[in-house]
C-alpha cells in the first residue's frame, strides 16, 4: 500500500492547469504564436515564388531554368549550390519585405512620436536637469532666467 503525503493529486493538477491557463492567456504568448504561424506561411509562399517563378525567370537569362538540381561535384562530395541559391534568394526577398513593410513604417511611427529632449544642461554647473526644472538641484541656480556663468 502506497501512502501519499502532501497535497492531493487533483489540487496539484488544478494549480498547474490554472498556471498554464494564465501563461497562455497572456497577450504576448498569443501574439508570438500567431506571428510564428504567419511567418511560416509567408516563408512557404516566398519559397514557392522563388522556386516556381524567379529561378525559371533567372534561368532564361542563364540558360538553366531550375537551380535546385544544380550541384557541384568534387571527388565523392556533392555540393547543392542550387538549393543554396534558392534559399539565399528567398532570404533576401523576406528580408526586403520585412524591412520595407515592417521596419520602415515602425521607424516612421516612432520618429513622429518622439518628443524633445527630457533633460537640459544647467548653465552654471553644467549638470543634466529635467527640462521643466526651474531651479538646479545641484547648484540651486535659478534656471527660469538665462543665467550667465561667472568667470
C-alpha atoms as a PDB file:
ATOM      1  CA  UNK A   1       0.000   0.000   0.000  1.00  0.00           C
ATOM      2  CA  UNK A   2       1.364   3.465  -1.003  1.00  0.00           C
ATOM      3  CA  UNK A   3       0.588   6.393   1.238  1.00  0.00           C
ATOM      4  CA  UNK A   4       0.694   9.801  -0.437  1.00  0.00           C
ATOM      5  CA  UNK A   5       1.584  12.632   1.931  1.00  0.00           C
ATOM      6  CA  UNK A   6       1.138  16.190   0.723  1.00  0.00           C
ATOM      7  CA  UNK A   7      -1.430  17.939  -1.413  1.00  0.00           C
ATOM      8  CA  UNK A   8      -3.854  15.739  -3.233  1.00  0.00           C
ATOM      9  CA  UNK A   9      -3.135  14.953  -6.833  1.00  0.00           C
ATOM     10  CA  UNK A  10      -6.246  16.733  -8.043  1.00  0.00           C
ATOM     11  CA  UNK A  11      -5.326  20.031  -6.290  1.00  0.00           C
ATOM     12  CA  UNK A  12      -1.787  19.902  -7.749  1.00  0.00           C
ATOM     13  CA  UNK A  13      -3.203  19.276 -11.201  1.00  0.00           C
ATOM     14  CA  UNK A  14      -5.690  22.103 -10.727  1.00  0.00           C
ATOM     15  CA  UNK A  15      -2.929  24.542  -9.689  1.00  0.00           C
ATOM     16  CA  UNK A  16      -0.771  23.518 -12.644  1.00  0.00           C
ATOM     17  CA  UNK A  17      -3.697  23.855 -15.051  1.00  0.00           C
ATOM     18  CA  UNK A  18      -4.567  27.335 -13.706  1.00  0.00           C
ATOM     19  CA  UNK A  19      -0.945  28.451 -14.069  1.00  0.00           C
ATOM     20  CA  UNK A  20      -0.866  27.126 -17.624  1.00  0.00           C
ATOM     21  CA  UNK A  21      -4.097  28.974 -18.484  1.00  0.00           C
ATOM     22  CA  UNK A  22      -2.642  32.233 -17.090  1.00  0.00           C
ATOM     23  CA  UNK A  23       0.515  31.726 -19.149  1.00  0.00           C
ATOM     24  CA  UNK A  24      -1.388  31.059 -22.378  1.00  0.00           C
ATOM     25  CA  UNK A  25      -3.833  33.917 -21.792  1.00  0.00           C
ATOM     26  CA  UNK A  26      -1.025  36.496 -21.742  1.00  0.00           C
ATOM     27  CA  UNK A  27      -1.177  38.627 -24.860  1.00  0.00           C
ATOM     28  CA  UNK A  28       2.473  38.294 -25.819  1.00  0.00           C
ATOM     29  CA  UNK A  29       2.354  34.479 -25.946  1.00  0.00           C
ATOM     30  CA  UNK A  30      -0.646  34.508 -28.265  1.00  0.00           C
ATOM     31  CA  UNK A  31       0.898  37.248 -30.413  1.00  0.00           C
ATOM     32  CA  UNK A  32       4.104  35.242 -30.689  1.00  0.00           C
ATOM     33  CA  UNK A  33       2.228  32.103 -31.717  1.00  0.00           C
ATOM     34  CA  UNK A  34       0.278  33.998 -34.376  1.00  0.00           C
ATOM     35  CA  UNK A  35       3.495  35.611 -35.624  1.00  0.00           C
ATOM     36  CA  UNK A  36       5.246  32.251 -35.937  1.00  0.00           C
ATOM     37  CA  UNK A  37       2.344  30.718 -37.879  1.00  0.00           C
ATOM     38  CA  UNK A  38       2.050  33.703 -40.215  1.00  0.00           C
ATOM     39  CA  UNK A  39       5.834  33.824 -40.650  1.00  0.00           C
ATOM     40  CA  UNK A  40       5.976  30.149 -41.590  1.00  0.00           C
ATOM     41  CA  UNK A  41       3.141  30.603 -44.071  1.00  0.00           C
ATOM     42  CA  UNK A  42       4.788  33.686 -45.551  1.00  0.00           C
ATOM     43  CA  UNK A  43       8.087  31.784 -45.843  1.00  0.00           C
ATOM     44  CA  UNK A  44       6.341  28.988 -47.728  1.00  0.00           C
ATOM     45  CA  UNK A  45       4.772  31.495 -50.131  1.00  0.00           C
ATOM     46  CA  UNK A  46       8.101  33.219 -50.764  1.00  0.00           C
ATOM     47  CA  UNK A  47       9.884  29.886 -51.270  1.00  0.00           C
ATOM     48  CA  UNK A  48       7.248  28.878 -53.826  1.00  0.00           C
ATOM     49  CA  UNK A  49       7.628  32.257 -55.559  1.00  0.00           C
ATOM     50  CA  UNK A  50      11.389  31.806 -55.787  1.00  0.00           C
ATOM     51  CA  UNK A  51      11.230  28.151 -56.849  1.00  0.00           C
ATOM     52  CA  UNK A  52       8.366  28.442 -59.359  1.00  0.00           C
ATOM     53  CA  UNK A  53       8.738  31.968 -60.732  1.00  0.00           C
ATOM     54  CA  UNK A  54      12.036  33.737 -60.060  1.00  0.00           C
ATOM     55  CA  UNK A  55      14.521  30.923 -60.675  1.00  0.00           C
ATOM     56  CA  UNK A  56      12.920  29.986 -64.025  1.00  0.00           C
ATOM     57  CA  UNK A  57      12.958  33.696 -64.906  1.00  0.00           C
ATOM     58  CA  UNK A  58      16.649  33.940 -63.979  1.00  0.00           C
ATOM     59  CA  UNK A  59      17.175  30.643 -65.789  1.00  0.00           C
ATOM     60  CA  UNK A  60      16.022  32.240 -69.026  1.00  0.00           C
ATOM     61  CA  UNK A  61      18.992  34.572 -68.769  1.00  0.00           C
ATOM     62  CA  UNK A  62      21.477  31.986 -67.505  1.00  0.00           C
ATOM     63  CA  UNK A  63      20.187  29.097 -69.603  1.00  0.00           C
ATOM     64  CA  UNK A  64      19.352  26.771 -66.694  1.00  0.00           C
ATOM     65  CA  UNK A  65      15.669  27.073 -65.658  1.00  0.00           C
ATOM     66  CA  UNK A  66      15.904  25.189 -62.348  1.00  0.00           C
ATOM     67  CA  UNK A  67      18.578  25.921 -59.752  1.00  0.00           C
ATOM     68  CA  UNK A  68      17.538  23.208 -57.315  1.00  0.00           C
ATOM     69  CA  UNK A  69      19.219  20.463 -59.367  1.00  0.00           C
ATOM     70  CA  UNK A  70      22.381  22.491 -59.916  1.00  0.00           C
ATOM     71  CA  UNK A  71      25.204  20.883 -57.956  1.00  0.00           C
ATOM     72  CA  UNK A  72      28.983  20.907 -57.906  1.00  0.00           C
ATOM     73  CA  UNK A  73      30.691  17.556 -57.507  1.00  0.00           C
ATOM     74  CA  UNK A  74      34.220  17.399 -56.122  1.00  0.00           C
ATOM     75  CA  UNK A  75      35.529  13.873 -55.696  1.00  0.00           C
ATOM     76  CA  UNK A  76      32.769  11.944 -53.979  1.00  0.00           C
ATOM     77  CA  UNK A  77      31.206  15.044 -52.386  1.00  0.00           C
ATOM     78  CA  UNK A  78      28.176  16.770 -53.891  1.00  0.00           C
ATOM     79  CA  UNK A  79      27.534  20.438 -53.104  1.00  0.00           C
ATOM     80  CA  UNK A  80      23.918  21.537 -53.672  1.00  0.00           C
ATOM     81  CA  UNK A  81      24.625  25.048 -54.894  1.00  0.00           C
ATOM     82  CA  UNK A  82      21.182  25.393 -56.495  1.00  0.00           C
ATOM     83  CA  UNK A  83      19.347  24.767 -53.220  1.00  0.00           C
ATOM     84  CA  UNK A  84      21.604  27.303 -51.550  1.00  0.00           C
ATOM     85  CA  UNK A  85      20.855  29.903 -54.258  1.00  0.00           C
ATOM     86  CA  UNK A  86      17.102  29.317 -53.879  1.00  0.00           C
ATOM     87  CA  UNK A  87      17.380  29.722 -50.091  1.00  0.00           C
ATOM     88  CA  UNK A  88      19.512  32.843 -50.498  1.00  0.00           C
ATOM     89  CA  UNK A  89      17.025  34.463 -52.896  1.00  0.00           C
ATOM     90  CA  UNK A  90      14.152  33.567 -50.517  1.00  0.00           C
ATOM     91  CA  UNK A  91      16.048  35.068 -47.589  1.00  0.00           C
ATOM     92  CA  UNK A  92      16.715  38.295 -49.489  1.00  0.00           C
ATOM     93  CA  UNK A  93      13.066  38.640 -50.525  1.00  0.00           C
ATOM     94  CA  UNK A  94      11.802  38.004 -46.977  1.00  0.00           C
ATOM     95  CA  UNK A  95      14.360  40.469 -45.590  1.00  0.00           C
ATOM     96  CA  UNK A  96      13.334  43.150 -48.083  1.00  0.00           C
ATOM     97  CA  UNK A  97       9.632  42.657 -47.355  1.00  0.00           C
ATOM     98  CA  UNK A  98      10.195  42.812 -43.595  1.00  0.00           C
ATOM     99  CA  UNK A  99      12.355  45.912 -43.942  1.00  0.00           C
ATOM    100  CA  UNK A 100      10.027  47.847 -46.252  1.00  0.00           C
ATOM    101  CA  UNK A 101       6.694  46.751 -44.753  1.00  0.00           C
ATOM    102  CA  UNK A 102       7.567  46.422 -41.054  1.00  0.00           C
ATOM    103  CA  UNK A 103      10.795  48.200 -40.059  1.00  0.00           C
ATOM    104  CA  UNK A 104      10.425  51.421 -42.087  1.00  0.00           C
ATOM    105  CA  UNK A 105       6.779  52.069 -41.108  1.00  0.00           C
ATOM    106  CA  UNK A 106       7.521  51.399 -37.425  1.00  0.00           C
ATOM    107  CA  UNK A 107      10.550  53.719 -37.567  1.00  0.00           C
ATOM    108  CA  UNK A 108       8.397  56.466 -39.116  1.00  0.00           C
ATOM    109  CA  UNK A 109       5.709  55.998 -36.464  1.00  0.00           C
ATOM    110  CA  UNK A 110       8.170  56.076 -33.581  1.00  0.00           C
ATOM    111  CA  UNK A 111      10.116  59.014 -35.048  1.00  0.00           C
ATOM    112  CA  UNK A 112       6.912  61.060 -35.211  1.00  0.00           C
ATOM    113  CA  UNK A 113       6.025  60.323 -31.614  1.00  0.00           C
ATOM    114  CA  UNK A 114       9.425  61.242 -30.159  1.00  0.00           C
ATOM    115  CA  UNK A 115       9.360  64.369 -28.098  1.00  0.00           C
ATOM    116  CA  UNK A 116      12.142  66.806 -27.422  1.00  0.00           C
ATOM    117  CA  UNK A 117      14.937  66.048 -25.006  1.00  0.00           C
ATOM    118  CA  UNK A 118      13.865  65.293 -21.449  1.00  0.00           C
ATOM    119  CA  UNK A 119      16.915  66.951 -19.898  1.00  0.00           C
ATOM    120  CA  UNK A 120      18.935  70.112 -20.371  1.00  0.00           C
ATOM    121  CA  UNK A 121      22.230  71.400 -19.017  1.00  0.00           C
ATOM    122  CA  UNK A 122      22.348  73.784 -16.119  1.00  0.00           C
ATOM    123  CA  UNK A 123      24.066  76.938 -17.448  1.00  0.00           C
ATOM    124  CA  UNK A 124      26.023  77.353 -14.201  1.00  0.00           C
ATOM    125  CA  UNK A 125      27.222  73.878 -13.150  1.00  0.00           C
ATOM    126  CA  UNK A 126      26.530  72.007 -16.430  1.00  0.00           C
ATOM    127  CA  UNK A 127      24.740  69.071 -14.792  1.00  0.00           C
ATOM    128  CA  UNK A 128      21.785  67.416 -16.529  1.00  0.00           C
ATOM    129  CA  UNK A 129      18.454  68.573 -15.130  1.00  0.00           C
ATOM    130  CA  UNK A 130      14.837  67.968 -16.260  1.00  0.00           C
ATOM    131  CA  UNK A 131      13.696  70.373 -18.985  1.00  0.00           C
ATOM    132  CA  UNK A 132      10.788  71.606 -16.841  1.00  0.00           C
ATOM    133  CA  UNK A 133      13.025  72.386 -13.849  1.00  0.00           C
ATOM    134  CA  UNK A 134      13.140  75.995 -12.670  1.00  0.00           C
ATOM    135  CA  UNK A 135      15.993  75.517 -10.240  1.00  0.00           C
ATOM    136  CA  UNK A 136      19.064  73.298 -10.488  1.00  0.00           C
ATOM    137  CA  UNK A 137      19.062  70.644  -7.742  1.00  0.00           C
ATOM    138  CA  UNK A 138      22.868  70.607  -7.729  1.00  0.00           C
ATOM    139  CA  UNK A 139      23.859  74.283  -7.522  1.00  0.00           C
ATOM    140  CA  UNK A 140      20.389  75.753  -6.784  1.00  0.00           C
ATOM    141  CA  UNK A 141      20.704  78.297  -9.602  1.00  0.00           C
ATOM    142  CA  UNK A 142      17.514  79.840 -10.931  1.00  0.00           C
ATOM    143  CA  UNK A 143      17.013  78.351 -14.417  1.00  0.00           C
ATOM    144  CA  UNK A 144      13.950  80.366 -15.450  1.00  0.00           C
ATOM    145  CA  UNK A 145      16.115  83.347 -16.358  1.00  0.00           C
ATOM    146  CA  UNK A 146      19.142  82.779 -18.555  1.00  0.00           C
ATOM    147  CA  UNK A 147      21.923  82.603 -16.023  1.00  0.00           C
ATOM    148  CA  UNK A 148      25.351  83.598 -17.196  1.00  0.00           C
ATOM    149  CA  UNK A 149      28.182  81.610 -15.634  1.00  0.00           C
ATOM    150  CA  UNK A 150      30.686  83.642 -13.639  1.00  0.00           C
ATOM    151  CA  UNK A 151      34.201  83.854 -14.975  1.00  0.00           C
END
